[in-house]
Amino acid sequence: MPEPRPAAPSREGSQDFGLVIVGDEILSGKRADKHMPKAIELLAARGLQLSWAEYVGDAPERITALLRRAFASGHVVFSCGGIGATPDDHTRQCAGKALGVPLELHPQAEALIRERMQDIAREQGTVYEPDRPDNVHRLNMGVFPQGARLIPNPYNKIPGFSVGDVHFVPGFPVMAWPMMEWVLDQHYPHLFHGTAYVEKSVIVFGSMEAALTPLMEQIEKDHPGVKVFSLPSVDHPEYGRHIDLGVKGDSGLIDAAYTQLLAGLNALGVRLGPELVR
């Protein structure tokens, strides 16, 4: 298997983070996705941002194509769901196809799964039978692409796995979230930002985005590392038609940019509403 390619920096000089959510139940509406809000929260606590997210159903060819792009991206990617051993779980197999490598039973994963089965037998007051068909089938949860590394699962010991900077965790939040946090703290502390990521904005009434664009472009030019955002709304329950216009970036950078933004808006004579800090 070829060596994983190094992570590629984003346009802003920091690492891109992506999220893949696998499962028909999300696309059908049977379950609401909770992983993206949590991923945003976990990253933000470390001064990081989610760059992109994609949803995919349980169709193997679609999963394989998406994972092939994820492996080639050089981004840090979390993939949630589909790593079990039931007929609708395809993520492990698709990861192997995307990488062009065979699957194999990871010896440490096997030991952990057997340990979990013994725990269950002990809890139920039964005898652990390693050769019982259902117990043998459970070992499939430790069959990963060749060369994979384990992600520990503090909930039930059944591990996830990583290949390069793509990390595979279960779909259950109680398992996935501490596993994602472990990956971040174990492998990427060098990417954490010491300063907080902050957004400052102001509600703008009675103006069009096109009229504000030159000011936005000038602020980004004058303040490298700061991004300007514009979020128009036509039917907000409190503000009605308005634009939420602001700047975002490291806390040490945005104050000067925000001061320039307010000065530019006042010079344009637009009506301003509340100021917001996030």
Protein backbone atom coordinates (compact mmCIF):
# COMPACT_ATOMS: atom_id res chain seq x y z
CA MET A 1 0.00 0.00 0.00
CA PRO A 2 1.40 3.46 -0.86
CA GLU A 3 2.28 5.87 1.91
CA PRO A 4 -0.61 8.23 2.75
CA ARG A 5 -0.09 11.58 1.11
CA PRO A 6 0.56 14.52 3.45
CA ALA A 7 -2.29 16.77 4.41
CA ALA A 8 -2.72 19.74 2.11
CA PRO A 9 -3.07 23.23 3.57
CA SER A 10 -6.17 25.25 2.79
CA ARG A 11 -6.08 28.65 1.09
CA GLU A 12 -5.87 30.26 4.53
CA GLY A 13 -2.77 28.26 5.47
CA SER A 14 -4.51 25.89 7.87
CA GLN A 15 -5.68 22.31 7.52
CA ASP A 16 -9.01 21.51 5.89
CA PHE A 17 -11.39 19.23 7.79
CA GLY A 18 -14.16 17.25 6.11
CA LEU A 19 -17.05 15.12 7.30
CA VAL A 20 -18.77 12.18 5.60
CA ILE A 21 -22.13 10.95 6.92
CA VAL A 22 -23.16 7.49 5.68
CA GLY A 23 -26.64 6.00 5.88
CA ASP A 24 -29.98 5.74 4.12
CA GLU A 25 -31.70 6.59 7.39
CA ILE A 26 -30.31 10.14 7.25
CA LEU A 27 -31.37 10.76 3.65
CA SER A 28 -34.85 9.28 4.24
CA GLY A 29 -35.43 11.42 7.31
CA LYS A 30 -35.83 8.47 9.68
CA ARG A 31 -32.99 9.92 11.71
CA ALA A 32 -31.68 13.47 11.93
CA ASP A 33 -27.94 13.96 11.56
CA LYS A 34 -26.31 15.08 14.80
CA HIS A 35 -22.71 14.53 13.70
CA MET A 36 -22.17 17.77 11.78
CA PRO A 37 -23.13 20.10 14.68
CA LYS A 38 -20.92 18.05 17.02
CA ALA A 39 -18.00 18.05 14.58
CA ILE A 40 -18.28 21.82 14.32
CA GLU A 41 -18.30 22.04 18.12
CA LEU A 42 -15.29 19.73 18.59
CA LEU A 43 -13.28 21.60 15.97
CA ALA A 44 -14.23 25.05 17.25
CA ALA A 45 -13.09 24.10 20.76
CA ARG A 46 -9.64 23.62 19.24
CA GLY A 47 -9.66 26.75 17.10
CA LEU A 48 -10.47 24.77 13.95
CA GLN A 49 -13.26 24.81 11.36
CA LEU A 50 -15.18 22.30 9.30
CA SER A 51 -14.44 22.94 5.62
CA TRP A 52 -16.99 20.62 4.01
CA ALA A 53 -19.50 17.84 4.66
CA GLU A 54 -21.16 15.27 2.40
CA TYR A 55 -24.04 12.86 2.94
CA VAL A 56 -24.27 9.53 1.16
CA GLY A 57 -26.71 6.63 1.36
CA ASP A 58 -25.87 2.96 1.63
CA ALA A 59 -25.11 2.45 -2.08
CA PRO A 60 -21.58 0.93 -2.23
CA GLU A 61 -20.60 2.57 -5.51
CA ARG A 62 -21.44 6.03 -4.18
CA ILE A 63 -19.63 5.42 -0.90
CA THR A 64 -16.56 4.17 -2.76
CA ALA A 65 -16.50 7.21 -5.05
CA LEU A 66 -16.85 9.61 -2.13
CA LEU A 67 -14.13 7.88 -0.11
CA ARG A 68 -11.82 7.87 -3.11
CA ARG A 69 -12.15 11.65 -3.22
CA ALA A 70 -11.62 11.89 0.53
CA PHE A 71 -8.39 9.89 0.43
CA ALA A 72 -7.11 11.94 -2.50
CA SER A 73 -8.01 15.29 -0.92
CA GLY A 74 -5.20 15.44 1.64
CA HIS A 75 -7.78 16.73 4.14
CA VAL A 76 -8.50 15.40 7.61
CA VAL A 77 -11.80 13.57 7.12
CA PHE A 78 -14.14 11.88 9.58
CA SER A 79 -16.50 9.25 8.18
CA CYS A 80 -19.43 8.36 10.41
CA GLY A 81 -21.50 5.21 9.93
CA GLY A 82 -21.57 1.95 8.04
CA ILE A 83 -18.65 0.16 9.73
CA GLY A 84 -20.74 -2.56 11.38
CA ALA A 85 -21.19 -6.12 10.14
CA THR A 86 -24.79 -6.17 8.91
CA PRO A 87 -25.73 -6.42 5.21
CA ASP A 88 -26.35 -2.66 4.93
CA ASP A 89 -22.90 -1.76 6.31
CA HIS A 90 -20.54 -1.18 3.40
CA THR A 91 -18.07 1.47 4.54
CA ARG A 92 -15.19 -0.87 5.44
CA GLN A 93 -15.40 -2.68 2.13
CA CYS A 94 -15.76 0.57 0.18
CA ALA A 95 -12.72 2.04 1.92
CA GLY A 96 -10.68 -0.93 0.75
CA LYS A 97 -11.93 -0.53 -2.81
CA ALA A 98 -11.24 3.21 -2.76
CA LEU A 99 -7.67 2.53 -1.64
CA GLY A 100 -7.16 -0.48 -3.91
CA VAL A 101 -6.04 -2.68 -1.01
CA PRO A 102 -7.45 -5.93 0.45
CA LEU A 103 -9.30 -6.19 3.73
CA GLU A 104 -7.87 -8.16 6.62
CA LEU A 105 -8.77 -8.94 10.22
CA HIS A 106 -6.74 -6.53 12.33
CA PRO A 107 -5.14 -8.58 15.14
CA GLN A 108 -5.66 -5.88 17.81
CA ALA A 109 -9.23 -5.37 16.68
CA GLU A 110 -9.82 -9.11 16.92
CA ALA A 111 -8.51 -9.15 20.48
CA LEU A 112 -10.73 -6.22 21.47
CA ILE A 113 -13.83 -7.74 19.88
CA ARG A 114 -13.21 -11.07 21.59
CA GLU A 115 -12.73 -9.20 24.86
CA ARG A 116 -16.06 -7.46 24.32
CA MET A 117 -17.81 -10.77 23.61
CA GLN A 118 -16.40 -12.21 26.82
CA ASP A 119 -17.64 -9.16 28.71
CA ILE A 120 -21.15 -9.68 27.32
CA ALA A 121 -21.15 -13.37 28.23
CA ARG A 122 -20.03 -12.51 31.74
CA GLU A 123 -22.73 -9.84 32.09
CA GLN A 124 -25.39 -12.28 30.88
CA GLY A 125 -24.13 -15.13 33.06
CA THR A 126 -23.44 -17.36 30.06
CA VAL A 127 -20.39 -19.21 28.76
CA TYR A 128 -18.33 -17.49 26.08
CA GLU A 129 -18.27 -19.68 22.96
CA PRO A 130 -15.70 -18.26 20.54
CA ASP A 131 -16.66 -20.60 17.69
CA ARG A 132 -20.39 -19.93 17.86
CA PRO A 133 -21.49 -18.61 14.43
CA ASP A 134 -22.72 -15.26 15.70
CA ASN A 135 -19.48 -14.66 17.61
CA VAL A 136 -17.41 -15.54 14.56
CA HIS A 137 -19.52 -13.13 12.50
CA ARG A 138 -18.86 -10.31 14.97
CA LEU A 139 -15.16 -10.49 14.09
CA ASN A 140 -16.08 -8.91 10.75
CA MET A 141 -16.27 -5.61 12.62
CA GLY A 142 -12.47 -5.81 12.88
CA VAL A 143 -11.88 -6.45 9.17
CA PHE A 144 -10.29 -3.25 7.87
CA PRO A 145 -8.28 -2.15 4.83
CA GLN A 146 -4.72 -3.44 4.98
CA GLY A 147 -2.47 -1.06 6.92
CA ALA A 148 -5.28 0.54 8.92
CA ARG A 149 -4.69 1.95 12.42
CA LEU A 150 -7.18 1.56 15.25
CA ILE A 151 -9.33 4.22 16.87
CA PRO A 152 -10.24 3.15 20.43
CA ASN A 153 -13.91 3.01 21.35
CA PRO A 154 -14.45 3.83 25.03
CA TYR A 155 -18.12 2.80 24.90
CA ASN A 156 -17.92 -0.87 23.96
CA LYS A 157 -14.30 -1.51 22.87
CA ILE A 158 -15.24 -2.21 19.20
CA PRO A 159 -12.67 -0.01 17.42
CA GLY A 160 -12.90 2.26 14.45
CA PHE A 161 -9.99 2.69 12.08
CA SER A 162 -7.87 5.25 10.25
CA VAL A 163 -5.99 5.18 6.97
CA GLY A 164 -3.86 8.23 6.45
CA ASP A 165 -5.91 11.25 7.50
CA VAL A 166 -9.30 9.61 6.90
CA HIS A 167 -10.88 8.31 10.10
CA PHE A 168 -13.81 5.91 10.32
CA VAL A 169 -16.12 5.81 13.34
CA PRO A 170 -19.55 4.27 14.01
CA GLY A 171 -22.80 6.06 13.35
CA PHE A 172 -23.82 6.03 17.02
CA PRO A 173 -23.04 9.44 18.55
CA VAL A 174 -22.26 7.94 21.97
CA MET A 175 -19.38 6.08 20.32
CA ALA A 176 -18.45 8.37 17.44
CA TRP A 177 -17.99 11.64 19.31
CA PRO A 178 -15.41 10.55 21.89
CA MET A 179 -13.59 8.67 19.13
CA MET A 180 -13.45 11.80 16.96
CA GLU A 181 -12.22 13.81 19.94
CA TRP A 182 -9.50 11.21 20.60
CA VAL A 183 -8.33 11.43 16.98
CA LEU A 184 -8.09 15.21 17.14
CA ASP A 185 -6.19 15.26 20.43
CA GLN A 186 -3.95 12.31 19.56
CA HIS A 187 -2.99 13.17 15.99
CA TYR A 188 -3.60 16.87 15.36
CA PRO A 189 -2.71 18.99 18.40
CA HIS A 190 -0.10 20.77 16.27
CA LEU A 191 -2.97 22.23 14.24
CA PHE A 192 -4.87 23.67 17.21
CA HIS A 193 -5.03 27.46 17.31
CA GLY A 194 -4.05 29.20 20.51
CA THR A 195 -6.36 32.11 19.80
CA ALA A 196 -10.13 31.85 19.62
CA TYR A 197 -11.99 32.02 16.33
CA VAL A 198 -14.50 34.84 16.52
CA GLU A 199 -17.25 36.32 14.36
CA LYS A 200 -18.44 39.92 14.69
CA SER A 201 -21.31 41.23 12.62
CA VAL A 202 -23.98 43.88 12.42
CA ILE A 203 -27.53 43.79 11.10
CA VAL A 204 -27.83 46.00 7.99
CA PHE A 205 -31.24 47.27 6.84
CA GLY A 206 -32.23 48.73 3.50
CA SER A 207 -29.19 47.76 1.44
CA MET A 208 -28.32 45.26 -1.28
CA GLU A 209 -25.29 42.93 -1.22
CA ALA A 210 -24.05 44.33 -4.54
CA ALA A 211 -23.74 47.79 -2.99
CA LEU A 212 -21.73 46.40 -0.08
CA THR A 213 -19.39 44.19 -2.10
CA PRO A 214 -16.65 46.80 -2.73
CA LEU A 215 -16.40 47.45 1.02
CA MET A 216 -16.22 43.71 1.72
CA GLU A 217 -13.47 43.23 -0.86
CA GLN A 218 -11.47 46.15 0.52
CA ILE A 219 -11.60 44.78 4.08
CA GLU A 220 -10.32 41.36 3.00
CA LYS A 221 -7.54 43.05 1.05
CA ASP A 222 -6.54 45.25 4.00
CA HIS A 223 -6.73 42.48 6.62
CA PRO A 224 -5.12 39.19 5.51
CA GLY A 225 -6.47 36.24 7.48
CA VAL A 226 -9.87 37.84 8.02
CA LYS A 227 -12.90 36.72 6.03
CA VAL A 228 -15.96 38.87 5.41
CA PHE A 229 -19.37 37.21 5.32
CA SER A 230 -22.79 38.36 4.18
CA LEU A 231 -25.96 36.48 5.17
CA PRO A 232 -29.09 38.02 3.65
CA SER A 233 -32.56 37.19 4.95
CA VAL A 234 -35.96 38.12 3.56
CA ASP A 235 -38.29 36.87 6.30
CA HIS A 236 -36.45 36.86 9.62
CA PRO A 237 -39.00 36.71 12.48
CA GLU A 238 -37.31 39.59 14.34
CA TYR A 239 -35.44 41.71 11.78
CA GLY A 240 -37.44 41.06 8.62
CA ARG A 241 -35.49 41.75 5.40
CA HIS A 242 -31.86 42.44 6.32
CA ILE A 243 -28.22 41.43 5.83
CA ASP A 244 -26.11 40.00 8.63
CA LEU A 245 -22.74 41.47 7.58
CA GLY A 246 -19.55 40.73 9.47
CA VAL A 247 -15.99 39.52 9.74
CA LYS A 248 -14.55 36.28 11.09
CA GLY A 249 -11.09 35.07 12.06
CA ASP A 250 -8.67 34.87 14.97
CA SER A 251 -9.68 37.15 17.80
CA GLY A 252 -6.46 39.15 17.49
CA LEU A 253 -7.18 40.04 13.88
CA ILE A 254 -10.81 40.96 13.57
CA ASP A 255 -11.18 44.07 15.76
CA ALA A 256 -9.46 46.38 13.28
CA ALA A 257 -11.35 44.81 10.38
CA TYR A 258 -14.68 45.21 12.17
CA THR A 259 -13.93 48.87 12.97
CA GLN A 260 -13.25 49.44 9.27
CA LEU A 261 -16.49 47.63 8.38
CA LEU A 262 -18.58 49.86 10.65
CA ALA A 263 -16.88 52.99 9.37
CA GLY A 264 -17.54 51.97 5.78
CA LEU A 265 -21.20 51.22 6.48
CA ASN A 266 -21.67 54.57 8.20
CA ALA A 267 -20.04 56.30 5.22
CA LEU A 268 -22.57 54.58 2.95
CA GLY A 269 -25.39 55.90 5.11
CA VAL A 270 -27.09 52.55 5.63
CA ARG A 271 -29.29 51.88 8.65
CA LEU A 272 -27.69 49.55 11.19
CA GLY A 273 -29.27 47.27 13.75
CA PRO A 274 -27.84 45.18 16.59
CA GLU A 275 -24.23 44.06 16.65
CA LEU A 276 -23.54 40.36 17.16
CA VAL A 277 -20.50 38.50 18.52
CA ARG A 278 -20.16 34.72 18.22
